[in-house]
Amino acid sequence: MQNELMSQWKEIEFSTWKRREYFYYFTKMNPTAYSVTVQIEVTKLYSFIKKQNWHFFPSYLFIVTRLLTEYPEFKVGKVEDKLVEYEILHPSYSLFHEEDHSISMMWTTFQSNFSDFYQSYLNDKEDYQDKYGAVVKKQPAPANTYMIGMIPWLEFTNYTPLPLEGLSSFFPVIQGGKMSEKNGKRYLPISFTIHHAVADGYHVSKFFNELQEAFNEPQKWLVKE
C-alpha cells in the first residue's frame, strides 16, 4: 500500500497554533458546531460522468475528498492526547441494500489517482453489497475517516446531523441530497457540518466556492489513466 494511503499525521504545536484561542473557546467555553447547506450546480459534472458511463457517487466522493485534503482546518484530529493534522482523509459512507432498505457503514481508502480510487470503490461495493449489518467491512476504518453520504430520494434545503453527545471528531460531515433540475441546469444540495473549534464560515465558504469550480471542470479532476 502506498504511503499516501496510510494514516499519516503531524502533531499540532498548540502553543503556536493560530487557532489555539478559538479552539479553547469553542471546545471549553462555548462548544459549538454549525451546518451549512448549499445548492451546488452539477450540470457539467453530471453530463461529463454520464458521457463516460461512470457512476456519479464515487466521482462525487473523489472530488470532495481530494479537495478536503487541501484544507488543514478540515483534517484536525486527536491521537491519544495529541492534537494532530492528518495528511489525508478517507471517505466513510453508507452502503444501501435495495432488498431490505437497510444500510451498512462502509469506507474506501482514498487514493489521489482517480482510476485507482474509482476501482477500489467498485471493489468494496461488490465485496460487501450482499452482506448485511451496521458494519460489514472486516478491516477497521482508519482514524482519519470522515463521514460523507447522499440521500438521493430527498431534495432538502437543510440537513443537520445532531449527535446526542458532543462532537468527538473535528472532521466535517458532508451529506448530499436529491438532484433537481431548474431552467435546464442540475443542482445538488450539499450539507457541510463542522466543529467551530477548527474552522470558521470563511473556510467553509471557500471550500464550497472551490467545489463549485471543480464541478464546473470535471475533466481536470476525474482523469482515468
Protein backbone atom coordinates (compact mmCIF):
# COMPACT_ATOMS: atom_id res chain seq x y z
CA MET A 1 0.00 0.00 0.00
CA GLN A 2 1.32 3.42 -0.92
CA ASN A 3 2.38 5.80 1.83
CA GLU A 4 -0.34 8.26 0.84
CA LEU A 5 -2.95 5.73 1.90
CA MET A 6 -1.72 5.45 5.46
CA SER A 7 -2.98 7.41 8.46
CA GLN A 8 -0.03 9.77 8.48
CA TRP A 9 -0.20 12.86 10.67
CA LYS A 10 1.87 15.61 12.21
CA GLU A 11 1.40 16.96 15.71
CA ILE A 12 -0.01 20.46 16.04
CA GLU A 13 2.11 22.68 18.25
CA PHE A 14 -0.73 24.09 20.30
CA SER A 15 1.24 26.96 21.87
CA THR A 16 1.92 28.49 18.44
CA TRP A 17 -1.18 27.27 16.61
CA LYS A 18 -3.07 30.22 15.16
CA ARG A 19 -6.41 28.70 16.21
CA ARG A 20 -5.44 27.89 19.79
CA GLU A 21 -7.67 30.60 21.34
CA TYR A 22 -10.63 29.70 19.11
CA PHE A 23 -10.13 26.01 19.79
CA TYR A 24 -10.24 26.61 23.52
CA TYR A 25 -13.26 28.90 23.27
CA PHE A 26 -15.33 26.59 21.06
CA THR A 27 -14.46 23.43 22.98
CA LYS A 28 -14.39 24.67 26.60
CA MET A 29 -16.26 27.95 26.95
CA ASN A 30 -18.91 27.74 24.25
CA PRO A 31 -18.85 24.33 22.49
CA THR A 32 -20.21 24.96 19.02
CA ALA A 33 -20.63 23.24 15.70
CA TYR A 34 -22.50 24.59 12.70
CA SER A 35 -24.01 23.32 9.48
CA VAL A 36 -24.38 24.97 6.08
CA THR A 37 -26.40 23.66 3.13
CA VAL A 38 -25.71 24.95 -0.38
CA GLN A 39 -27.30 24.21 -3.73
CA ILE A 40 -24.34 23.35 -5.96
CA GLU A 41 -24.72 23.31 -9.73
CA VAL A 42 -23.65 19.94 -11.13
CA THR A 43 -24.75 20.33 -14.76
CA LYS A 44 -21.30 19.89 -16.30
CA LEU A 45 -20.26 17.27 -13.77
CA TYR A 46 -23.36 15.16 -14.37
CA SER A 47 -23.03 15.44 -18.16
CA PHE A 48 -19.34 14.54 -18.10
CA ILE A 49 -19.86 11.50 -15.88
CA LYS A 50 -22.81 10.31 -17.95
CA LYS A 51 -20.80 10.54 -21.19
CA GLN A 52 -18.04 8.46 -19.62
CA ASN A 53 -20.60 5.92 -18.38
CA TRP A 54 -19.28 6.24 -14.84
CA HIS A 55 -21.12 6.18 -11.52
CA PHE A 56 -21.91 9.56 -10.01
CA PHE A 57 -21.42 8.72 -6.32
CA PRO A 58 -17.75 7.60 -6.38
CA SER A 59 -16.92 10.53 -8.65
CA TYR A 60 -18.53 12.86 -6.13
CA LEU A 61 -16.64 11.14 -3.30
CA PHE A 62 -13.33 11.59 -5.09
CA ILE A 63 -13.66 15.29 -5.85
CA VAL A 64 -14.92 16.19 -2.36
CA THR A 65 -12.25 14.14 -0.60
CA ARG A 66 -9.42 15.38 -2.77
CA LEU A 67 -10.48 18.97 -2.17
CA LEU A 68 -10.69 18.40 1.58
CA THR A 69 -7.04 17.37 1.63
CA GLU A 70 -6.11 20.93 0.64
CA TYR A 71 -7.61 22.34 3.86
CA PRO A 72 -5.61 21.86 7.08
CA GLU A 73 -8.66 23.04 9.05
CA PHE A 74 -10.68 20.01 7.96
CA LYS A 75 -8.00 17.41 8.78
CA VAL A 76 -7.61 18.08 12.52
CA GLY A 77 -7.90 15.03 14.74
CA LYS A 78 -6.69 13.56 18.00
CA VAL A 79 -4.15 10.81 18.58
CA GLU A 80 -4.19 9.88 22.25
CA ASP A 81 -3.90 13.31 23.92
CA LYS A 82 -2.21 14.99 20.98
CA LEU A 83 -3.94 17.33 18.56
CA VAL A 84 -2.80 16.41 15.05
CA GLU A 85 -3.26 17.26 11.40
CA TYR A 86 -3.69 14.25 9.14
CA GLU A 87 -2.14 14.16 5.70
CA ILE A 88 -5.32 12.90 4.04
CA LEU A 89 -8.85 11.78 4.90
CA HIS A 90 -10.68 8.65 3.79
CA PRO A 91 -14.43 8.73 2.96
CA SER A 92 -16.82 6.76 5.17
CA TYR A 93 -20.29 6.34 3.68
CA SER A 94 -23.43 4.21 3.82
CA LEU A 95 -23.88 1.22 1.53
CA PHE A 96 -27.60 0.92 0.72
CA HIS A 97 -29.20 -2.51 0.35
CA GLU A 98 -32.11 -2.46 -2.11
CA GLU A 99 -33.51 -5.74 -0.83
CA ASP A 100 -34.48 -4.61 2.67
CA HIS A 101 -33.66 -0.86 2.53
CA SER A 102 -31.03 -1.22 5.25
CA ILE A 103 -27.59 0.38 5.29
CA SER A 104 -24.10 -0.74 6.20
CA MET A 105 -21.29 1.58 7.20
CA MET A 106 -18.56 1.43 4.57
CA TRP A 107 -15.28 3.17 3.87
CA THR A 108 -12.91 3.23 0.92
CA THR A 109 -9.24 4.10 1.07
CA PHE A 110 -8.63 7.41 -0.64
CA GLN A 111 -6.11 7.46 -3.46
CA SER A 112 -5.10 10.61 -5.32
CA ASN A 113 -5.30 8.74 -8.62
CA PHE A 114 -8.95 8.75 -9.70
CA SER A 115 -8.73 5.45 -11.59
CA ASP A 116 -7.36 3.66 -8.53
CA PHE A 117 -9.90 5.18 -6.16
CA TYR A 118 -12.81 4.51 -8.50
CA GLN A 119 -11.83 0.85 -8.85
CA SER A 120 -11.34 0.50 -5.08
CA TYR A 121 -14.85 1.83 -4.54
CA LEU A 122 -16.30 -0.62 -7.07
CA ASN A 123 -14.40 -3.47 -5.41
CA ASP A 124 -15.70 -2.53 -1.96
CA LYS A 125 -19.25 -2.31 -3.25
CA GLU A 126 -19.03 -5.68 -4.98
CA ASP A 127 -17.47 -7.37 -1.95
CA TYR A 128 -19.99 -6.09 0.59
CA GLN A 129 -23.21 -5.36 -1.31
CA ASP A 130 -24.75 -8.67 -0.23
CA LYS A 131 -23.51 -8.52 3.36
CA TYR A 132 -25.85 -7.05 5.97
CA GLY A 133 -25.27 -5.32 9.28
CA ALA A 134 -24.26 -1.94 10.61
CA VAL A 135 -20.55 -2.60 9.98
CA VAL A 136 -19.55 -5.27 7.45
CA LYS A 137 -16.05 -4.45 6.27
CA LYS A 138 -13.51 -6.67 8.01
CA GLN A 139 -10.77 -4.08 8.24
CA PRO A 140 -11.49 -1.38 10.85
CA ALA A 141 -11.76 2.11 9.45
CA PRO A 142 -8.62 4.20 9.91
CA ALA A 143 -8.76 7.03 12.43
CA ASN A 144 -8.76 9.62 9.65
CA THR A 145 -12.08 8.74 8.05
CA TYR A 146 -14.76 11.39 7.69
CA MET A 147 -18.48 10.92 7.11
CA ILE A 148 -19.93 11.66 3.70
CA GLY A 149 -23.09 10.42 2.06
CA MET A 150 -26.04 11.07 -0.18
CA ILE A 151 -29.81 10.82 0.27
CA PRO A 152 -30.89 10.53 -3.40
CA TRP A 153 -34.60 10.34 -2.54
CA LEU A 154 -34.83 13.71 -0.78
CA GLU A 155 -34.35 17.20 -2.16
CA PHE A 156 -33.60 19.16 1.00
CA THR A 157 -32.74 22.76 1.80
CA ASN A 158 -31.16 21.94 5.14
CA TYR A 159 -29.62 18.85 6.70
CA THR A 160 -28.03 18.95 10.14
CA PRO A 161 -26.76 15.79 11.86
CA LEU A 162 -27.39 16.12 15.59
CA PRO A 163 -25.19 13.98 17.86
CA LEU A 164 -26.76 13.01 21.17
CA GLU A 165 -23.48 13.90 22.82
CA GLY A 166 -20.88 16.50 21.99
CA LEU A 167 -18.92 16.08 18.79
CA SER A 168 -15.93 13.83 19.40
CA SER A 169 -14.48 14.45 15.95
CA PHE A 170 -13.35 17.62 14.24
CA PHE A 171 -13.69 16.21 10.71
CA PRO A 172 -16.52 17.54 8.54
CA VAL A 173 -19.76 15.64 7.98
CA ILE A 174 -20.93 16.06 4.39
CA GLN A 175 -24.30 15.00 3.02
CA GLY A 176 -25.71 15.27 -0.49
CA GLY A 177 -29.37 15.09 -1.41
CA LYS A 178 -31.64 14.51 -4.38
CA MET A 179 -30.57 16.19 -7.59
CA SER A 180 -33.02 18.68 -9.08
CA GLU A 181 -33.33 20.35 -12.46
CA LYS A 182 -34.25 24.02 -12.92
CA ASN A 183 -34.10 26.03 -16.13
CA GLY A 184 -32.06 23.34 -17.83
CA LYS A 185 -29.46 23.16 -15.05
CA ARG A 186 -28.91 20.45 -12.46
CA TYR A 187 -28.41 21.20 -8.77
CA LEU A 188 -27.32 19.08 -5.84
CA PRO A 189 -27.94 20.13 -2.22
CA ILE A 190 -24.84 19.55 -0.12
CA SER A 191 -24.73 19.94 3.66
CA PHE A 192 -21.44 20.63 5.44
CA THR A 193 -21.25 20.29 9.23
CA ILE A 194 -18.07 21.15 11.13
CA HIS A 195 -16.85 21.89 14.65
CA HIS A 196 -16.33 25.63 15.08
CA ALA A 197 -13.13 24.95 17.02
CA VAL A 198 -11.25 24.15 13.80
CA ALA A 199 -12.97 26.15 11.07
CA ASP A 200 -14.95 29.34 10.55
CA GLY A 201 -17.52 30.37 7.98
CA TYR A 202 -14.73 31.68 5.77
CA HIS A 203 -13.17 28.24 5.40
CA VAL A 204 -16.47 26.54 4.57
CA SER A 205 -17.38 29.30 2.10
CA LYS A 206 -14.03 28.94 0.37
CA PHE A 207 -14.50 25.18 0.20
CA PHE A 208 -17.91 25.49 -1.44
CA ASN A 209 -16.63 28.04 -3.95
CA GLU A 210 -13.75 25.77 -4.92
CA LEU A 211 -16.06 22.76 -5.02
CA GLN A 212 -18.27 24.61 -7.50
CA GLU A 213 -15.22 25.37 -9.64
CA ALA A 214 -14.24 21.70 -9.56
CA PHE A 215 -17.73 20.59 -10.56
CA ASN A 216 -17.60 23.06 -13.45
CA GLU A 217 -14.36 21.49 -14.72
CA PRO A 218 -14.72 17.77 -14.01
CA GLN A 219 -12.29 16.82 -16.77
CA LYS A 220 -9.46 18.27 -14.68
CA TRP A 221 -10.34 16.18 -11.64
CA LEU A 222 -11.73 12.92 -12.98
CA VAL A 223 -8.91 11.56 -15.10
CA LYS A 224 -8.90 7.85 -15.93
CA GLU A 225 -5.39 6.53 -16.59
